[in-house]
N, C-alpha and C. Protein backbone atom coordinates (compact mmCIF):
# COMPACT_ATOMS: atom_id res chain seq x y z
N UNK A 1 0.83 -1.19 0.00
CA UNK A 1 0.00 0.00 0.00
C UNK A 1 0.87 1.24 0.00
N UNK A 2 1.93 1.23 -0.73
CA UNK A 2 2.87 2.34 -0.76
C UNK A 2 2.25 3.61 -1.32
N UNK A 3 1.35 3.51 -2.29
CA UNK A 3 0.79 4.71 -2.90
C UNK A 3 -0.54 5.13 -2.28
N UNK A 4 -0.97 4.50 -1.18
CA UNK A 4 -2.22 4.87 -0.51
C UNK A 4 -3.43 4.12 -1.02
N UNK A 5 -3.27 3.20 -1.95
CA UNK A 5 -4.38 2.44 -2.48
C UNK A 5 -4.33 1.02 -1.96
N UNK A 6 -5.43 0.56 -1.43
CA UNK A 6 -5.54 -0.80 -0.93
C UNK A 6 -6.52 -1.54 -1.83
N UNK A 7 -6.06 -2.61 -2.44
CA UNK A 7 -6.92 -3.43 -3.30
C UNK A 7 -7.08 -4.78 -2.63
N UNK A 8 -8.34 -5.17 -2.38
CA UNK A 8 -8.62 -6.41 -1.66
C UNK A 8 -9.72 -7.16 -2.39
N UNK A 9 -9.54 -8.44 -2.58
CA UNK A 9 -10.57 -9.28 -3.19
C UNK A 9 -11.50 -9.85 -2.15
N UNK A 10 -10.97 -10.29 -1.01
CA UNK A 10 -11.76 -10.89 0.07
C UNK A 10 -11.20 -10.42 1.40
N UNK A 11 -12.11 -10.10 2.32
CA UNK A 11 -11.69 -9.72 3.67
C UNK A 11 -12.30 -10.73 4.63
N UNK A 12 -11.47 -11.28 5.52
CA UNK A 12 -11.96 -12.17 6.57
C UNK A 12 -11.36 -11.73 7.90
N UNK A 13 -11.98 -12.17 8.98
CA UNK A 13 -11.40 -11.84 10.28
C UNK A 13 -10.22 -12.78 10.54
N UNK A 14 -9.56 -12.63 11.69
CA UNK A 14 -8.35 -13.40 11.97
C UNK A 14 -8.61 -14.91 12.05
N UNK A 15 -9.86 -15.30 12.31
CA UNK A 15 -10.19 -16.72 12.37
C UNK A 15 -10.53 -17.28 10.97
N UNK A 16 -10.58 -16.41 9.99
CA UNK A 16 -10.88 -16.85 8.62
C UNK A 16 -12.34 -16.75 8.23
N UNK A 17 -13.21 -16.40 9.17
CA UNK A 17 -14.64 -16.22 8.86
C UNK A 17 -15.27 -15.42 9.99
N UNK A 18 -16.52 -15.02 9.80
CA UNK A 18 -17.23 -14.28 10.84
C UNK A 18 -17.31 -12.79 10.54
N UNK A 19 -17.65 -12.03 11.57
CA UNK A 19 -17.84 -10.60 11.41
C UNK A 19 -16.54 -9.83 11.53
N UNK A 20 -16.47 -8.73 10.83
CA UNK A 20 -15.33 -7.82 10.92
C UNK A 20 -15.81 -6.58 11.65
N UNK A 21 -15.06 -6.13 12.63
CA UNK A 21 -15.40 -4.94 13.38
C UNK A 21 -14.64 -3.75 12.81
N UNK A 22 -15.39 -2.70 12.52
CA UNK A 22 -14.79 -1.45 12.03
C UNK A 22 -14.52 -0.57 13.24
N UNK A 23 -13.31 -0.14 13.41
CA UNK A 23 -12.93 0.68 14.57
C UNK A 23 -13.46 2.10 14.49
N UNK A 24 -13.39 2.80 15.61
CA UNK A 24 -13.84 4.19 15.65
C UNK A 24 -12.90 5.05 14.79
N UNK A 25 -13.43 6.14 14.29
CA UNK A 25 -12.64 7.04 13.46
C UNK A 25 -12.63 6.65 11.99
N UNK A 26 -13.25 5.54 11.65
CA UNK A 26 -13.32 5.10 10.25
C UNK A 26 -14.63 5.62 9.67
N UNK A 27 -14.56 6.26 8.52
CA UNK A 27 -15.75 6.79 7.87
C UNK A 27 -16.23 5.80 6.80
N UNK A 28 -17.46 5.38 6.93
CA UNK A 28 -18.08 4.54 5.91
C UNK A 28 -18.97 5.45 5.06
N UNK A 29 -18.77 5.44 3.77
CA UNK A 29 -19.54 6.30 2.89
C UNK A 29 -20.93 5.69 2.66
N UNK A 30 -21.92 6.54 2.64
CA UNK A 30 -23.30 6.09 2.48
C UNK A 30 -24.10 7.14 1.74
N UNK A 31 -25.09 6.70 0.99
CA UNK A 31 -25.95 7.62 0.26
C UNK A 31 -27.28 7.82 0.97
N UNK A 32 -27.25 7.86 2.29
CA UNK A 32 -28.45 8.13 3.06
C UNK A 32 -28.17 9.31 3.98
N UNK A 33 -29.21 10.05 4.31
CA UNK A 33 -30.62 9.87 4.02
C UNK A 33 -30.94 10.00 2.52
N UNK A 34 -32.03 9.36 2.14
CA UNK A 34 -32.50 9.41 0.77
C UNK A 34 -34.02 9.25 0.77
N UNK A 35 -34.68 9.82 -0.24
CA UNK A 35 -36.13 9.67 -0.35
C UNK A 35 -36.57 9.77 -1.80
N UNK A 36 -37.79 9.28 -2.05
CA UNK A 36 -38.49 9.50 -3.31
C UNK A 36 -39.96 9.67 -2.98
N UNK A 37 -40.54 10.75 -3.49
CA UNK A 37 -41.97 11.03 -3.33
C UNK A 37 -42.54 11.45 -4.68
N UNK A 38 -43.85 11.35 -4.79
CA UNK A 38 -44.49 11.85 -6.02
C UNK A 38 -45.89 12.35 -5.71
N UNK A 39 -46.43 13.09 -6.66
CA UNK A 39 -47.78 13.63 -6.55
C UNK A 39 -48.73 12.62 -7.18
N UNK A 40 -49.56 11.99 -6.36
CA UNK A 40 -50.50 10.98 -6.85
C UNK A 40 -51.77 11.63 -7.39
N UNK A 41 -52.28 12.62 -6.68
CA UNK A 41 -53.53 13.29 -7.06
C UNK A 41 -53.23 14.65 -7.66
N UNK A 42 -53.94 15.00 -8.69
CA UNK A 42 -53.77 16.30 -9.34
C UNK A 42 -53.98 17.42 -8.33
N UNK A 43 -53.10 18.42 -8.39
CA UNK A 43 -53.16 19.56 -7.48
C UNK A 43 -53.50 20.82 -8.27
N UNK A 44 -54.55 21.52 -7.87
CA UNK A 44 -54.93 22.78 -8.50
C UNK A 44 -53.93 23.85 -8.07
N UNK A 45 -53.46 24.63 -9.04
CA UNK A 45 -52.48 25.68 -8.79
C UNK A 45 -53.13 27.06 -8.93
N UNK A 46 -52.55 28.05 -8.29
CA UNK A 46 -52.94 29.43 -8.51
C UNK A 46 -52.12 29.94 -9.69
N UNK A 47 -52.79 30.50 -10.69
CA UNK A 47 -52.13 30.93 -11.92
C UNK A 47 -51.02 31.94 -11.64
N UNK A 48 -49.88 31.72 -12.27
CA UNK A 48 -48.73 32.62 -12.25
C UNK A 48 -48.27 32.96 -10.83
N UNK A 49 -48.34 31.97 -9.93
CA UNK A 49 -47.93 32.13 -8.54
C UNK A 49 -47.10 30.92 -8.13
N UNK A 50 -45.99 31.15 -7.45
CA UNK A 50 -45.20 30.02 -6.93
C UNK A 50 -46.03 29.25 -5.92
N UNK A 51 -46.20 27.95 -6.19
CA UNK A 51 -47.03 27.10 -5.36
C UNK A 51 -46.25 25.85 -4.98
N UNK A 52 -46.24 25.53 -3.69
CA UNK A 52 -45.55 24.32 -3.24
C UNK A 52 -46.33 23.09 -3.71
N UNK A 53 -45.61 22.12 -4.27
CA UNK A 53 -46.23 20.88 -4.67
C UNK A 53 -46.41 20.00 -3.43
N UNK A 54 -47.61 19.48 -3.26
CA UNK A 54 -47.94 18.66 -2.10
C UNK A 54 -47.74 17.19 -2.46
N UNK A 55 -46.46 16.79 -2.51
CA UNK A 55 -46.11 15.41 -2.84
C UNK A 55 -46.75 14.49 -1.80
N UNK A 56 -47.74 13.72 -2.24
CA UNK A 56 -48.60 13.00 -1.31
C UNK A 56 -48.33 11.50 -1.20
N UNK A 57 -47.35 11.00 -1.95
CA UNK A 57 -47.06 9.56 -1.89
C UNK A 57 -45.57 9.34 -1.72
N UNK A 58 -45.19 8.61 -0.67
CA UNK A 58 -43.79 8.31 -0.38
C UNK A 58 -43.47 6.92 -0.95
N UNK A 59 -42.46 6.86 -1.81
CA UNK A 59 -41.98 5.58 -2.33
C UNK A 59 -41.03 4.97 -1.31
N UNK A 60 -40.06 5.76 -0.86
CA UNK A 60 -39.18 5.36 0.23
C UNK A 60 -38.62 6.59 0.92
N UNK A 61 -38.23 6.41 2.17
CA UNK A 61 -37.67 7.47 2.99
C UNK A 61 -36.77 6.78 4.02
N UNK A 62 -35.48 6.66 3.70
CA UNK A 62 -34.57 5.83 4.48
C UNK A 62 -34.43 6.24 5.95
N UNK A 63 -34.52 7.53 6.22
CA UNK A 63 -34.25 8.01 7.58
C UNK A 63 -35.40 8.85 8.15
N UNK A 64 -36.59 8.70 7.58
CA UNK A 64 -37.77 9.47 8.02
C UNK A 64 -37.51 10.97 7.99
N UNK A 65 -36.89 11.45 6.93
CA UNK A 65 -36.57 12.87 6.78
C UNK A 65 -37.57 13.62 5.91
N UNK A 66 -38.52 12.89 5.28
CA UNK A 66 -39.55 13.57 4.48
C UNK A 66 -40.67 13.99 5.42
N UNK A 67 -40.94 15.30 5.46
CA UNK A 67 -41.98 15.87 6.30
C UNK A 67 -43.29 15.79 5.53
N UNK A 68 -44.15 14.81 5.87
CA UNK A 68 -45.39 14.58 5.12
C UNK A 68 -46.43 15.66 5.37
N UNK A 69 -46.29 16.44 6.43
CA UNK A 69 -47.24 17.53 6.71
C UNK A 69 -46.89 18.80 5.95
N UNK A 70 -45.60 19.07 5.81
CA UNK A 70 -45.15 20.30 5.15
C UNK A 70 -44.53 20.07 3.79
N UNK A 71 -44.51 18.81 3.33
CA UNK A 71 -44.02 18.45 2.00
C UNK A 71 -42.61 18.98 1.75
N UNK A 72 -41.69 18.59 2.64
CA UNK A 72 -40.30 19.02 2.48
C UNK A 72 -39.34 17.99 3.05
N UNK A 73 -38.10 18.08 2.58
CA UNK A 73 -37.03 17.17 2.99
C UNK A 73 -36.16 17.88 4.01
N UNK A 74 -36.03 17.27 5.20
CA UNK A 74 -35.25 17.81 6.31
C UNK A 74 -34.17 16.79 6.67
N UNK A 75 -33.07 16.74 5.93
CA UNK A 75 -32.05 15.73 6.21
C UNK A 75 -31.39 15.92 7.57
N UNK A 76 -31.14 14.81 8.24
CA UNK A 76 -30.56 14.83 9.59
C UNK A 76 -29.05 14.59 9.57
N UNK A 77 -28.48 14.47 8.40
CA UNK A 77 -27.04 14.28 8.26
C UNK A 77 -26.49 15.39 7.37
N UNK A 78 -25.47 16.08 7.84
CA UNK A 78 -24.87 17.15 7.05
C UNK A 78 -24.14 16.56 5.85
N UNK A 79 -24.10 17.33 4.77
CA UNK A 79 -23.36 16.90 3.59
C UNK A 79 -23.91 17.49 2.31
N UNK A 80 -23.37 17.00 1.22
CA UNK A 80 -23.83 17.40 -0.10
C UNK A 80 -24.88 16.39 -0.55
N UNK A 81 -25.97 16.91 -1.13
CA UNK A 81 -27.08 16.07 -1.57
C UNK A 81 -27.34 16.28 -3.05
N UNK A 82 -27.58 15.18 -3.74
CA UNK A 82 -28.05 15.22 -5.12
C UNK A 82 -29.57 15.31 -5.04
N UNK A 83 -30.11 16.39 -5.59
CA UNK A 83 -31.55 16.65 -5.50
C UNK A 83 -32.12 16.72 -6.91
N UNK A 84 -33.21 16.00 -7.13
CA UNK A 84 -33.86 15.96 -8.44
C UNK A 84 -35.35 16.23 -8.26
N UNK A 85 -35.85 17.17 -9.05
CA UNK A 85 -37.26 17.56 -8.99
C UNK A 85 -37.80 17.62 -10.41
N UNK A 86 -38.90 16.92 -10.66
CA UNK A 86 -39.60 17.09 -11.94
C UNK A 86 -40.98 17.63 -11.66
N UNK A 87 -41.32 18.69 -12.39
CA UNK A 87 -42.62 19.32 -12.26
C UNK A 87 -43.32 19.25 -13.61
N UNK A 88 -44.58 18.86 -13.59
CA UNK A 88 -45.38 18.81 -14.80
C UNK A 88 -46.59 19.70 -14.60
N UNK A 89 -46.68 20.71 -15.44
CA UNK A 89 -47.78 21.66 -15.37
C UNK A 89 -48.73 21.35 -16.53
N UNK A 90 -50.01 21.20 -16.21
CA UNK A 90 -50.98 20.96 -17.28
C UNK A 90 -51.98 22.10 -17.30
N UNK A 91 -52.40 22.45 -18.48
CA UNK A 91 -53.44 23.46 -18.66
C UNK A 91 -54.69 22.73 -19.12
N UNK A 92 -55.82 23.34 -18.87
CA UNK A 92 -57.10 22.67 -19.12
C UNK A 92 -57.67 22.92 -20.50
N UNK A 93 -56.92 23.60 -21.33
CA UNK A 93 -57.30 23.81 -22.74
C UNK A 93 -56.02 23.81 -23.55
N UNK A 94 -56.08 23.38 -24.78
CA UNK A 94 -54.89 23.28 -25.62
C UNK A 94 -54.20 24.61 -25.87
N UNK A 95 -52.90 24.56 -25.99
CA UNK A 95 -52.07 25.71 -26.37
C UNK A 95 -52.35 26.97 -25.53
N UNK A 96 -52.38 26.79 -24.22
CA UNK A 96 -52.65 27.92 -23.31
C UNK A 96 -51.51 28.19 -22.32
N UNK A 97 -50.47 27.35 -22.31
CA UNK A 97 -49.38 27.52 -21.35
C UNK A 97 -48.38 28.52 -21.88
N UNK A 98 -48.26 29.66 -21.20
CA UNK A 98 -47.32 30.70 -21.59
C UNK A 98 -45.91 30.41 -21.10
N UNK A 99 -45.79 30.03 -19.83
CA UNK A 99 -44.50 29.64 -19.28
C UNK A 99 -44.70 28.87 -17.99
N UNK A 100 -43.63 28.18 -17.57
CA UNK A 100 -43.65 27.48 -16.29
C UNK A 100 -42.25 27.45 -15.71
N UNK A 101 -42.18 27.42 -14.40
CA UNK A 101 -40.92 27.29 -13.67
C UNK A 101 -41.02 26.10 -12.72
N UNK A 102 -40.00 25.26 -12.72
CA UNK A 102 -39.82 24.24 -11.69
C UNK A 102 -38.80 24.84 -10.73
N UNK A 103 -39.12 24.89 -9.44
CA UNK A 103 -38.29 25.60 -8.48
C UNK A 103 -37.95 24.75 -7.27
N UNK A 104 -36.69 24.82 -6.85
CA UNK A 104 -36.26 24.24 -5.59
C UNK A 104 -36.05 25.37 -4.60
N UNK A 105 -36.74 25.29 -3.49
CA UNK A 105 -36.58 26.27 -2.42
C UNK A 105 -35.74 25.62 -1.32
N UNK A 106 -34.77 26.36 -0.83
CA UNK A 106 -34.00 25.93 0.33
C UNK A 106 -34.28 26.91 1.47
N UNK A 107 -34.75 26.38 2.58
CA UNK A 107 -35.07 27.20 3.76
C UNK A 107 -36.03 28.34 3.42
N UNK A 108 -37.00 28.07 2.55
CA UNK A 108 -38.03 29.05 2.22
C UNK A 108 -37.66 30.05 1.15
N UNK A 109 -36.48 29.90 0.54
CA UNK A 109 -36.01 30.84 -0.48
C UNK A 109 -35.81 30.13 -1.81
N UNK A 110 -36.30 30.74 -2.88
CA UNK A 110 -36.14 30.19 -4.23
C UNK A 110 -34.64 30.20 -4.56
N UNK A 111 -34.05 29.01 -4.63
CA UNK A 111 -32.61 28.90 -4.80
C UNK A 111 -32.22 28.44 -6.20
N UNK A 112 -32.95 27.46 -6.73
CA UNK A 112 -32.66 26.93 -8.07
C UNK A 112 -33.96 26.83 -8.84
N UNK A 113 -33.94 27.21 -10.12
CA UNK A 113 -35.12 26.97 -10.92
C UNK A 113 -34.77 26.79 -12.38
N UNK A 114 -35.71 26.21 -13.08
CA UNK A 114 -35.56 25.94 -14.50
C UNK A 114 -36.89 26.27 -15.15
N UNK A 115 -36.86 26.83 -16.34
CA UNK A 115 -38.13 27.26 -16.91
C UNK A 115 -38.30 26.85 -18.37
N UNK A 116 -39.55 26.86 -18.78
CA UNK A 116 -39.96 26.74 -20.18
C UNK A 116 -40.75 27.99 -20.50
N UNK A 117 -40.43 28.66 -21.60
CA UNK A 117 -41.12 29.89 -21.99
C UNK A 117 -41.74 29.70 -23.36
N UNK A 118 -43.07 29.73 -23.39
CA UNK A 118 -43.82 29.51 -24.63
C UNK A 118 -44.56 30.76 -25.09
N UNK A 119 -44.22 31.92 -24.57
CA UNK A 119 -45.03 33.11 -24.86
C UNK A 119 -45.16 33.40 -26.35
N UNK A 120 -44.15 33.09 -27.14
CA UNK A 120 -44.25 33.33 -28.58
C UNK A 120 -45.06 32.25 -29.29
N UNK A 121 -45.24 31.11 -28.63
CA UNK A 121 -46.00 29.99 -29.20
C UNK A 121 -46.50 29.14 -28.04
N UNK A 122 -47.65 29.50 -27.42
CA UNK A 122 -48.10 28.84 -26.20
C UNK A 122 -48.08 27.32 -26.27
N UNK A 123 -47.68 26.73 -25.14
CA UNK A 123 -47.52 25.29 -25.04
C UNK A 123 -48.84 24.57 -24.94
N UNK A 124 -48.77 23.30 -25.23
CA UNK A 124 -49.96 22.46 -25.23
C UNK A 124 -50.29 21.96 -23.83
N UNK A 125 -51.12 20.97 -23.79
CA UNK A 125 -51.74 20.42 -22.60
C UNK A 125 -50.83 20.21 -21.41
N UNK A 126 -49.67 19.58 -21.60
CA UNK A 126 -48.87 19.17 -20.45
C UNK A 126 -47.38 19.32 -20.79
N UNK A 127 -46.64 19.96 -19.92
CA UNK A 127 -45.21 20.11 -20.11
C UNK A 127 -44.50 19.86 -18.80
N UNK A 128 -43.31 19.24 -18.88
CA UNK A 128 -42.55 18.89 -17.68
C UNK A 128 -41.18 19.56 -17.73
N UNK A 129 -40.68 19.91 -16.57
CA UNK A 129 -39.36 20.50 -16.44
C UNK A 129 -38.68 19.89 -15.23
N UNK A 130 -37.38 19.61 -15.36
CA UNK A 130 -36.62 18.98 -14.29
C UNK A 130 -35.51 19.90 -13.81
N UNK A 131 -35.27 19.88 -12.50
CA UNK A 131 -34.14 20.57 -11.89
C UNK A 131 -33.32 19.51 -11.17
N UNK A 132 -32.03 19.45 -11.45
CA UNK A 132 -31.12 18.53 -10.76
C UNK A 132 -29.91 19.33 -10.30
N UNK A 133 -29.64 19.31 -9.01
CA UNK A 133 -28.54 20.09 -8.44
C UNK A 133 -27.89 19.33 -7.29
N UNK A 134 -26.67 19.71 -6.98
CA UNK A 134 -26.01 19.27 -5.76
C UNK A 134 -26.11 20.45 -4.79
N UNK A 135 -26.59 20.18 -3.59
CA UNK A 135 -26.85 21.24 -2.62
C UNK A 135 -26.30 20.82 -1.25
N UNK A 136 -25.60 21.73 -0.61
CA UNK A 136 -25.07 21.51 0.74
C UNK A 136 -26.21 21.67 1.75
N UNK A 137 -26.33 20.69 2.67
CA UNK A 137 -27.35 20.75 3.72
C UNK A 137 -26.65 20.56 5.06
N UNK A 138 -27.08 21.31 6.10
CA UNK A 138 -26.36 21.29 7.38
C UNK A 138 -26.74 20.13 8.30
N UNK A 139 -27.82 19.40 7.99
CA UNK A 139 -28.20 18.24 8.79
C UNK A 139 -28.97 18.57 10.05
N UNK A 140 -29.25 19.85 10.29
CA UNK A 140 -30.03 20.21 11.48
C UNK A 140 -31.25 21.06 11.12
N UNK A 141 -31.05 22.18 10.44
CA UNK A 141 -32.17 23.08 10.18
C UNK A 141 -32.47 23.30 8.69
N UNK A 142 -31.58 22.90 7.80
CA UNK A 142 -31.83 23.10 6.37
C UNK A 142 -32.95 22.18 5.88
N UNK A 143 -33.76 22.71 4.98
CA UNK A 143 -34.80 21.90 4.33
C UNK A 143 -34.95 22.35 2.88
N UNK A 144 -35.49 21.46 2.07
CA UNK A 144 -35.66 21.74 0.64
C UNK A 144 -37.08 21.36 0.24
N UNK A 145 -37.68 22.18 -0.66
CA UNK A 145 -39.06 21.99 -1.10
C UNK A 145 -39.16 22.16 -2.61
N UNK A 146 -40.19 21.57 -3.21
CA UNK A 146 -40.43 21.72 -4.64
C UNK A 146 -41.63 22.62 -4.90
N UNK A 147 -41.43 23.61 -5.78
CA UNK A 147 -42.48 24.55 -6.15
C UNK A 147 -42.65 24.58 -7.65
N UNK A 148 -43.78 25.10 -8.09
CA UNK A 148 -44.04 25.32 -9.51
C UNK A 148 -44.70 26.68 -9.68
N UNK A 149 -44.46 27.30 -10.82
CA UNK A 149 -45.16 28.52 -11.20
C UNK A 149 -45.53 28.38 -12.67
N UNK A 150 -46.84 28.35 -12.95
CA UNK A 150 -47.34 28.20 -14.31
C UNK A 150 -48.20 29.40 -14.68
N UNK A 151 -48.03 29.88 -15.89
CA UNK A 151 -48.91 30.92 -16.41
C UNK A 151 -49.76 30.30 -17.51
N UNK A 152 -51.04 30.12 -17.19
CA UNK A 152 -52.02 29.52 -18.08
C UNK A 152 -52.93 30.65 -18.58
N UNK A 153 -53.06 30.81 -19.88
CA UNK A 153 -53.89 31.89 -20.44
C UNK A 153 -55.34 31.81 -19.95
N UNK A 154 -55.81 30.61 -19.60
CA UNK A 154 -57.17 30.47 -19.08
C UNK A 154 -57.22 30.66 -17.57
N UNK A 155 -56.05 30.71 -16.91
CA UNK A 155 -55.99 30.95 -15.48
C UNK A 155 -56.27 29.74 -14.61
N UNK A 156 -56.19 28.51 -15.17
CA UNK A 156 -56.54 27.32 -14.41
C UNK A 156 -55.50 26.21 -14.53
N UNK A 157 -54.24 26.43 -14.17
CA UNK A 157 -53.25 25.36 -14.30
C UNK A 157 -53.36 24.34 -13.17
N UNK A 158 -52.84 23.14 -13.44
CA UNK A 158 -52.78 22.07 -12.46
C UNK A 158 -51.39 21.46 -12.47
N UNK A 159 -51.02 20.84 -11.36
CA UNK A 159 -49.87 19.95 -11.32
C UNK A 159 -50.47 18.56 -11.47
N UNK A 160 -50.08 17.86 -12.51
CA UNK A 160 -50.73 16.60 -12.86
C UNK A 160 -50.38 15.48 -11.91
N UNK A 161 -51.41 14.76 -11.47
CA UNK A 161 -51.23 13.56 -10.67
C UNK A 161 -50.90 12.38 -11.57
N UNK A 162 -50.84 11.21 -10.97
CA UNK A 162 -50.55 9.99 -11.72
C UNK A 162 -51.64 9.76 -12.75
N UNK A 163 -51.23 9.43 -13.96
CA UNK A 163 -52.18 9.16 -15.04
C UNK A 163 -51.64 8.00 -15.87
N UNK A 164 -52.47 7.00 -16.07
CA UNK A 164 -52.05 5.84 -16.84
C UNK A 164 -50.85 5.14 -16.23
N UNK A 165 -50.71 5.22 -14.90
CA UNK A 165 -49.59 4.60 -14.21
C UNK A 165 -48.30 5.39 -14.27
N UNK A 166 -48.31 6.56 -14.91
CA UNK A 166 -47.10 7.38 -15.04
C UNK A 166 -47.08 8.48 -13.99
N UNK A 167 -45.92 8.67 -13.39
CA UNK A 167 -45.72 9.73 -12.40
C UNK A 167 -45.17 10.96 -13.11
N UNK A 168 -45.89 12.06 -13.05
CA UNK A 168 -45.49 13.27 -13.75
C UNK A 168 -44.75 14.27 -12.85
N UNK A 169 -45.06 14.27 -11.57
CA UNK A 169 -44.42 15.16 -10.61
C UNK A 169 -43.76 14.31 -9.54
N UNK A 170 -42.44 14.42 -9.43
CA UNK A 170 -41.70 13.62 -8.46
C UNK A 170 -40.52 14.41 -7.93
N UNK A 171 -40.00 13.92 -6.79
CA UNK A 171 -38.96 14.63 -6.05
C UNK A 171 -38.11 13.55 -5.37
N UNK A 172 -36.79 13.61 -5.57
CA UNK A 172 -35.88 12.66 -4.94
C UNK A 172 -34.63 13.40 -4.43
N UNK A 173 -33.99 12.80 -3.46
CA UNK A 173 -32.68 13.30 -3.01
C UNK A 173 -31.95 12.19 -2.29
N UNK A 174 -30.63 12.28 -2.32
CA UNK A 174 -29.79 11.37 -1.56
C UNK A 174 -28.48 12.07 -1.24
N UNK A 175 -27.92 11.70 -0.10
CA UNK A 175 -26.64 12.28 0.31
C UNK A 175 -25.53 11.63 -0.49
N UNK A 176 -24.64 12.45 -0.99
CA UNK A 176 -23.47 11.95 -1.70
C UNK A 176 -22.52 11.40 -0.67
N UNK A 177 -22.01 10.22 -0.89
CA UNK A 177 -21.13 9.57 0.08
C UNK A 177 -19.75 10.17 0.10
N UNK A 178 -19.67 11.45 0.25
CA UNK A 178 -18.37 12.13 0.28
C UNK A 178 -18.38 13.26 1.27
């Protein structure tokens, strides 16, 4: 191990089998906490207003960090997190979507967003936008939420729920093991 790299095919304890004890001060890398949630039921939005998506179905939540009452992720371990949000905005009449924003809020502040702008040629029934970022979280008070802002010419946008078994609005995150 002269260059700092240890390559091992098999590890056994001194007896040749059994459990291996990891001593204190050793860091084991892990991608938890982690979660995946999605919007099962269609959510009515206020036109051209940032609205929190009420992700109502939990696929998994490794450390119980998804706040089901406030629809936000409150990780209990400090570190860098890979965060992915997909927002699907649907309008109730064809070619009425002027623009939409998928937004990640950290601690109540719009921090990251991605948009589609159709003002020169309004969008059709349903459009999706994804935001993927690495974000530092302190593990005590930081939280992250998913928001959407849609401008529908008819004034009646929705965040689409599950349709035909497809999830249109979803939110995931996991801690990077570094």
